Amino acid sequence: NAAVQHPRLHHQWQPDVAWLEAGVYRELSASLASKGHTVRESRGLAVSQAIRWPPSGIEPASAPRKRGQPAGY
């Protein structure tokens, strides 16, 4: 559950921009910019869903960016 809720960052070759969600923007933007990266803040990146199978049963999780519930559970 913590992994799907954690702030994300995204970078690809084109455009050459590192997109960071607010939670990691404050932590990483100055450091990445000092290394020559173009950094922008994003309101929200990828939405993910996950299912974990601990011994106690199935535990679904949904990223809060979706503003919903786990789908497919």
N, C-alpha and C. Protein backbone atom coordinates (compact mmCIF):
# COMPACT_ATOMS: atom_id res chain seq x y z
N ASN A 1 0.81 -1.18 0.00
CA ASN A 1 0.00 0.00 0.00
C ASN A 1 0.86 1.26 0.00
N ALA A 2 1.95 1.27 0.74
CA ALA A 2 2.82 2.45 0.81
C ALA A 2 3.45 2.75 -0.55
N ALA A 3 3.78 1.72 -1.31
CA ALA A 3 4.43 1.94 -2.60
C ALA A 3 3.52 2.67 -3.59
N VAL A 4 2.25 2.35 -3.63
CA VAL A 4 1.34 3.01 -4.57
C VAL A 4 0.97 4.41 -4.10
N GLN A 5 1.17 4.72 -2.83
CA GLN A 5 0.86 6.04 -2.32
C GLN A 5 2.06 6.99 -2.35
N HIS A 6 3.24 6.47 -2.53
CA HIS A 6 4.45 7.28 -2.49
C HIS A 6 4.52 8.23 -3.68
N PRO A 7 5.01 9.47 -3.50
CA PRO A 7 5.15 10.41 -4.63
C PRO A 7 6.08 9.85 -5.70
N ARG A 8 5.82 10.22 -6.95
CA ARG A 8 6.56 9.68 -8.08
C ARG A 8 7.39 10.72 -8.79
N LEU A 9 8.36 10.21 -9.54
CA LEU A 9 9.09 11.05 -10.48
C LEU A 9 9.13 10.33 -11.81
N HIS A 10 9.23 11.11 -12.88
CA HIS A 10 9.25 10.54 -14.23
C HIS A 10 10.24 11.31 -15.08
N HIS A 11 11.05 10.59 -15.82
CA HIS A 11 11.97 11.21 -16.77
C HIS A 11 12.07 10.31 -17.99
N GLN A 12 12.09 10.91 -19.15
CA GLN A 12 12.32 10.16 -20.39
C GLN A 12 13.22 11.00 -21.27
N TRP A 13 13.68 10.43 -22.35
CA TRP A 13 14.64 11.11 -23.21
C TRP A 13 14.07 12.39 -23.81
N GLN A 14 12.88 12.34 -24.37
CA GLN A 14 12.25 13.51 -24.97
C GLN A 14 10.84 13.68 -24.42
N PRO A 15 10.46 14.76 -23.85
CA PRO A 15 11.29 15.93 -23.57
C PRO A 15 12.25 15.63 -22.43
N ASP A 16 13.36 16.29 -22.43
CA ASP A 16 14.41 16.06 -21.44
C ASP A 16 14.08 16.83 -20.16
N VAL A 17 13.05 16.37 -19.47
CA VAL A 17 12.56 17.03 -18.26
C VAL A 17 12.29 15.96 -17.20
N ALA A 18 12.72 16.23 -15.99
CA ALA A 18 12.38 15.36 -14.86
C ALA A 18 11.12 15.93 -14.21
N TRP A 19 10.05 15.17 -14.25
CA TRP A 19 8.78 15.58 -13.64
C TRP A 19 8.70 14.93 -12.26
N LEU A 20 8.46 15.73 -11.25
CA LEU A 20 8.39 15.24 -9.87
C LEU A 20 7.08 15.68 -9.23
N GLU A 21 6.45 14.76 -8.54
CA GLU A 21 5.26 15.13 -7.77
C GLU A 21 5.70 15.92 -6.54
N ALA A 22 4.77 16.65 -5.97
CA ALA A 22 5.08 17.58 -4.88
C ALA A 22 5.89 16.94 -3.74
N GLY A 23 5.55 15.75 -3.35
CA GLY A 23 6.24 15.10 -2.23
C GLY A 23 7.72 14.87 -2.44
N VAL A 24 8.14 14.65 -3.66
CA VAL A 24 9.57 14.47 -3.93
C VAL A 24 10.18 15.71 -4.56
N TYR A 25 9.35 16.61 -5.07
CA TYR A 25 9.87 17.85 -5.67
C TYR A 25 10.66 18.64 -4.65
N ARG A 26 10.10 18.82 -3.48
CA ARG A 26 10.78 19.59 -2.43
C ARG A 26 12.10 18.92 -2.02
N GLU A 27 12.12 17.59 -2.02
CA GLU A 27 13.31 16.87 -1.58
C GLU A 27 14.41 16.82 -2.63
N LEU A 28 14.04 16.70 -3.93
CA LEU A 28 15.02 16.39 -4.96
C LEU A 28 15.30 17.48 -5.99
N SER A 29 14.43 18.47 -6.13
CA SER A 29 14.55 19.41 -7.25
C SER A 29 15.86 20.17 -7.25
N ALA A 30 16.30 20.70 -6.13
CA ALA A 30 17.55 21.47 -6.09
C ALA A 30 18.75 20.58 -6.43
N SER A 31 18.75 19.38 -5.91
CA SER A 31 19.86 18.47 -6.17
C SER A 31 19.93 18.09 -7.65
N LEU A 32 18.78 17.76 -8.25
CA LEU A 32 18.76 17.39 -9.68
C LEU A 32 19.13 18.59 -10.56
N ALA A 33 18.61 19.77 -10.23
CA ALA A 33 18.93 20.98 -11.01
C ALA A 33 20.42 21.29 -10.93
N SER A 34 21.04 21.09 -9.77
CA SER A 34 22.48 21.37 -9.63
C SER A 34 23.33 20.43 -10.48
N LYS A 35 22.75 19.30 -10.88
CA LYS A 35 23.46 18.34 -11.73
C LYS A 35 23.13 18.56 -13.21
N GLY A 36 22.38 19.63 -13.52
CA GLY A 36 22.09 19.97 -14.90
C GLY A 36 20.75 19.49 -15.43
N HIS A 37 19.92 18.89 -14.59
CA HIS A 37 18.61 18.42 -15.04
C HIS A 37 17.61 19.56 -15.08
N THR A 38 16.71 19.53 -16.03
CA THR A 38 15.56 20.42 -16.05
C THR A 38 14.49 19.74 -15.22
N VAL A 39 14.00 20.43 -14.22
CA VAL A 39 13.06 19.83 -13.27
C VAL A 39 11.77 20.63 -13.26
N ARG A 40 10.66 19.92 -13.29
CA ARG A 40 9.34 20.55 -13.23
C ARG A 40 8.49 19.80 -12.20
N GLU A 41 7.59 20.53 -11.56
CA GLU A 41 6.67 19.89 -10.62
C GLU A 41 5.41 19.46 -11.35
N SER A 42 4.94 18.27 -11.03
CA SER A 42 3.74 17.72 -11.64
C SER A 42 2.67 17.56 -10.57
N ARG A 43 1.43 17.78 -10.95
CA ARG A 43 0.32 17.59 -10.00
C ARG A 43 0.07 16.11 -9.75
N GLY A 44 0.37 15.28 -10.71
CA GLY A 44 0.15 13.85 -10.54
C GLY A 44 0.68 13.10 -11.74
N LEU A 45 1.33 12.01 -11.48
CA LEU A 45 1.88 11.19 -12.55
C LEU A 45 1.11 9.87 -12.60
N ALA A 46 1.79 8.80 -12.79
CA ALA A 46 1.17 7.49 -13.00
C ALA A 46 0.26 7.07 -11.85
N VAL A 47 -0.84 6.47 -12.22
CA VAL A 47 -1.75 5.88 -11.26
C VAL A 47 -1.49 4.38 -11.26
N SER A 48 -1.33 3.82 -10.10
CA SER A 48 -1.06 2.39 -10.04
C SER A 48 -2.02 1.70 -9.08
N GLN A 49 -2.16 0.43 -9.30
CA GLN A 49 -2.96 -0.42 -8.44
C GLN A 49 -2.11 -1.64 -8.12
N ALA A 50 -2.32 -2.22 -6.98
CA ALA A 50 -1.52 -3.38 -6.59
C ALA A 50 -2.36 -4.33 -5.75
N ILE A 51 -1.95 -5.58 -5.79
CA ILE A 51 -2.54 -6.60 -4.92
C ILE A 51 -1.39 -7.33 -4.26
N ARG A 52 -1.48 -7.49 -2.97
CA ARG A 52 -0.48 -8.21 -2.20
C ARG A 52 -1.14 -9.45 -1.64
N TRP A 53 -0.38 -10.55 -1.62
CA TRP A 53 -0.89 -11.83 -1.11
C TRP A 53 -0.14 -12.26 0.15
N PRO A 54 -0.40 -11.64 1.28
CA PRO A 54 0.22 -12.13 2.52
C PRO A 54 -0.50 -13.40 2.97
N PRO A 55 0.04 -14.10 3.94
CA PRO A 55 -0.62 -15.32 4.42
C PRO A 55 -2.06 -15.11 4.89
N SER A 56 -2.38 -13.88 5.31
CA SER A 56 -3.73 -13.62 5.82
C SER A 56 -4.78 -13.43 4.73
N GLY A 57 -4.36 -13.31 3.46
CA GLY A 57 -5.33 -13.13 2.37
C GLY A 57 -4.90 -12.05 1.40
N ILE A 58 -5.79 -11.63 0.55
CA ILE A 58 -5.49 -10.64 -0.48
C ILE A 58 -5.68 -9.23 0.08
N GLU A 59 -4.71 -8.34 -0.21
CA GLU A 59 -4.79 -6.94 0.20
C GLU A 59 -4.64 -6.04 -1.03
N PRO A 60 -5.72 -5.39 -1.48
CA PRO A 60 -5.63 -4.49 -2.63
C PRO A 60 -5.20 -3.09 -2.19
N ALA A 61 -4.60 -2.34 -3.12
CA ALA A 61 -4.23 -0.95 -2.85
C ALA A 61 -4.42 -0.14 -4.13
N SER A 62 -4.81 1.11 -3.98
CA SER A 62 -5.00 2.01 -5.11
C SER A 62 -4.31 3.33 -4.81
N ALA A 63 -3.57 3.86 -5.79
CA ALA A 63 -2.90 5.14 -5.60
C ALA A 63 -3.94 6.23 -5.36
N PRO A 64 -3.67 7.16 -4.47
CA PRO A 64 -4.64 8.21 -4.17
C PRO A 64 -4.89 9.15 -5.35
N ARG A 65 -4.04 9.13 -6.37
CA ARG A 65 -4.23 9.97 -7.56
C ARG A 65 -5.51 9.62 -8.29
N LYS A 66 -5.97 8.39 -8.14
CA LYS A 66 -7.17 7.92 -8.82
C LYS A 66 -8.44 8.38 -8.10
N ARG A 67 -8.31 8.72 -6.86
CA ARG A 67 -9.45 9.12 -6.03
C ARG A 67 -10.56 8.07 -6.02
N GLY A 68 -10.14 6.83 -5.96
CA GLY A 68 -11.13 5.76 -5.99
C GLY A 68 -10.69 4.60 -5.12
N GLN A 69 -11.21 3.47 -5.47
CA GLN A 69 -10.92 2.25 -4.76
C GLN A 69 -10.16 1.31 -5.68
N PRO A 70 -9.49 0.31 -5.11
CA PRO A 70 -8.83 -0.67 -5.97
C PRO A 70 -9.83 -1.29 -6.94
N ALA A 71 -9.43 -1.40 -8.18
CA ALA A 71 -10.29 -2.00 -9.21
C ALA A 71 -9.80 -3.43 -9.48
N GLY A 72 -10.70 -4.31 -9.75
CA GLY A 72 -10.34 -5.68 -10.09
C GLY A 72 -10.11 -6.56 -8.88
N TYR A 73 -10.48 -6.12 -7.72
CA TYR A 73 -10.32 -6.93 -6.51
C TYR A 73 -11.53 -7.80 -6.34
